[in-house]
Amino acid sequence: MSLNIAKSDKKRVVIVGGGFGGLKLANKLKKSGFQVVLIDKNNYHQFPPLIY
């Protein structure tokens, strides 16, 4: 399995799960000195109560 993650000298933070907590943490770390990698089994975020 190959991952499309850019090589960088920054320290890497890996977030497992793209729910509300994972997305909030990724947004908080966006302007930090870390390379943020978000791993989730789905490539979308779905909140079922808003589907109605």
N, C-alpha and C. Protein backbone atom coordinates (compact mmCIF):
# COMPACT_ATOMS: atom_id res chain seq x y z
N MET A 1 0.84 -1.18 0.00
CA MET A 1 0.00 0.00 0.00
C MET A 1 0.88 1.24 0.00
N SER A 2 0.63 2.15 -0.88
CA SER A 2 1.43 3.37 -0.93
C SER A 2 0.57 4.55 -0.49
N LEU A 3 1.19 5.44 0.26
CA LEU A 3 0.49 6.63 0.75
C LEU A 3 1.05 7.86 0.06
N ASN A 4 0.19 8.80 -0.22
CA ASN A 4 0.59 10.03 -0.89
C ASN A 4 0.82 11.13 0.16
N ILE A 5 1.90 10.97 0.95
CA ILE A 5 2.24 11.92 2.00
C ILE A 5 3.56 12.56 1.63
N ALA A 6 3.54 13.87 1.55
CA ALA A 6 4.76 14.59 1.16
C ALA A 6 5.84 14.47 2.23
N LYS A 7 7.08 14.32 1.79
CA LYS A 7 8.20 14.27 2.72
C LYS A 7 8.47 15.69 3.21
N SER A 8 8.78 15.80 4.51
CA SER A 8 8.99 17.11 5.10
C SER A 8 9.92 16.98 6.30
N ASP A 9 10.56 18.08 6.65
CA ASP A 9 11.41 18.09 7.84
C ASP A 9 10.60 18.36 9.10
N LYS A 10 9.33 18.70 8.93
CA LYS A 10 8.47 18.97 10.09
C LYS A 10 8.15 17.67 10.81
N LYS A 11 7.88 17.78 12.11
CA LYS A 11 7.40 16.62 12.85
C LYS A 11 5.98 16.34 12.40
N ARG A 12 5.60 15.08 12.40
CA ARG A 12 4.31 14.65 11.86
C ARG A 12 3.35 14.27 12.97
N VAL A 13 2.12 14.74 12.86
CA VAL A 13 1.03 14.33 13.74
C VAL A 13 0.05 13.53 12.90
N VAL A 14 -0.25 12.31 13.33
CA VAL A 14 -1.19 11.45 12.61
C VAL A 14 -2.48 11.38 13.41
N ILE A 15 -3.57 11.79 12.80
CA ILE A 15 -4.89 11.76 13.43
C ILE A 15 -5.67 10.62 12.80
N VAL A 16 -6.12 9.68 13.63
CA VAL A 16 -6.88 8.54 13.13
C VAL A 16 -8.35 8.80 13.40
N GLY A 17 -9.12 8.97 12.34
CA GLY A 17 -10.54 9.22 12.46
C GLY A 17 -10.89 10.64 12.06
N GLY A 18 -11.82 10.76 11.14
CA GLY A 18 -12.21 12.07 10.65
C GLY A 18 -13.57 12.50 11.14
N GLY A 19 -13.91 12.14 12.37
CA GLY A 19 -15.17 12.62 12.96
C GLY A 19 -15.01 14.06 13.41
N PHE A 20 -15.93 14.49 14.27
CA PHE A 20 -15.88 15.88 14.74
C PHE A 20 -14.58 16.18 15.48
N GLY A 21 -14.13 15.25 16.33
CA GLY A 21 -12.90 15.47 17.09
C GLY A 21 -11.67 15.53 16.20
N GLY A 22 -11.57 14.61 15.24
CA GLY A 22 -10.42 14.58 14.34
C GLY A 22 -10.34 15.81 13.46
N LEU A 23 -11.49 16.25 12.95
CA LEU A 23 -11.50 17.44 12.10
C LEU A 23 -11.19 18.71 12.89
N LYS A 24 -11.70 18.79 14.11
CA LYS A 24 -11.43 19.96 14.96
C LYS A 24 -9.94 20.05 15.28
N LEU A 25 -9.34 18.91 15.63
CA LEU A 25 -7.91 18.89 15.94
C LEU A 25 -7.08 19.24 14.70
N ALA A 26 -7.45 18.71 13.54
CA ALA A 26 -6.72 19.01 12.31
C ALA A 26 -6.78 20.50 12.00
N ASN A 27 -7.94 21.12 12.19
CA ASN A 27 -8.06 22.56 11.96
C ASN A 27 -7.24 23.37 12.95
N LYS A 28 -7.19 22.94 14.22
CA LYS A 28 -6.40 23.65 15.23
C LYS A 28 -4.91 23.58 14.91
N LEU A 29 -4.46 22.45 14.35
CA LEU A 29 -3.03 22.24 14.07
C LEU A 29 -2.63 22.75 12.68
N LYS A 30 -3.58 23.32 11.93
CA LYS A 30 -3.30 23.73 10.55
C LYS A 30 -2.14 24.73 10.46
N LYS A 31 -2.07 25.68 11.37
CA LYS A 31 -1.03 26.71 11.31
C LYS A 31 0.10 26.44 12.29
N SER A 32 0.19 25.23 12.80
CA SER A 32 1.26 24.88 13.72
C SER A 32 2.50 24.47 12.92
N GLY A 33 3.54 24.09 13.60
CA GLY A 33 4.76 23.68 12.94
C GLY A 33 4.79 22.20 12.62
N PHE A 34 3.63 21.53 12.63
CA PHE A 34 3.56 20.10 12.39
C PHE A 34 3.00 19.81 11.00
N GLN A 35 3.38 18.64 10.49
CA GLN A 35 2.75 18.13 9.29
C GLN A 35 1.58 17.27 9.77
N VAL A 36 0.37 17.64 9.40
CA VAL A 36 -0.84 16.96 9.89
C VAL A 36 -1.28 15.94 8.85
N VAL A 37 -1.45 14.69 9.30
CA VAL A 37 -1.94 13.62 8.44
C VAL A 37 -3.21 13.07 9.07
N LEU A 38 -4.33 13.17 8.35
CA LEU A 38 -5.62 12.69 8.82
C LEU A 38 -5.95 11.40 8.08
N ILE A 39 -6.16 10.33 8.84
CA ILE A 39 -6.47 9.02 8.25
C ILE A 39 -7.88 8.63 8.65
N ASP A 40 -8.69 8.31 7.65
CA ASP A 40 -10.07 7.88 7.90
C ASP A 40 -10.44 6.87 6.82
N LYS A 41 -11.33 5.95 7.14
CA LYS A 41 -11.71 4.94 6.15
C LYS A 41 -12.61 5.52 5.07
N ASN A 42 -13.26 6.65 5.34
CA ASN A 42 -14.11 7.32 4.34
C ASN A 42 -13.43 8.59 3.87
N ASN A 43 -13.70 8.99 2.64
CA ASN A 43 -13.11 10.22 2.12
C ASN A 43 -14.12 11.37 2.16
N TYR A 44 -15.08 11.29 3.09
CA TYR A 44 -16.07 12.35 3.26
C TYR A 44 -16.46 12.43 4.73
N HIS A 45 -17.09 13.53 5.13
CA HIS A 45 -17.61 13.68 6.49
C HIS A 45 -19.12 13.80 6.39
N GLN A 46 -19.83 12.92 7.09
CA GLN A 46 -21.28 12.88 7.01
C GLN A 46 -21.88 13.01 8.40
N PHE A 47 -22.82 13.91 8.55
CA PHE A 47 -23.54 14.10 9.81
C PHE A 47 -25.01 13.76 9.54
N PRO A 48 -25.46 12.52 9.85
CA PRO A 48 -26.79 12.04 9.46
C PRO A 48 -27.97 12.95 9.81
N PRO A 49 -28.03 13.64 10.97
CA PRO A 49 -29.21 14.48 11.22
C PRO A 49 -29.40 15.60 10.21
N LEU A 50 -28.37 15.99 9.48
CA LEU A 50 -28.53 17.06 8.50
C LEU A 50 -28.97 16.55 7.13
N ILE A 51 -29.15 15.24 6.99
CA ILE A 51 -29.54 14.67 5.69
C ILE A 51 -31.04 14.85 5.42
N TYR A 52 -31.84 15.00 6.45
CA TYR A 52 -33.30 15.07 6.28
C TYR A 52 -33.71 16.14 5.33
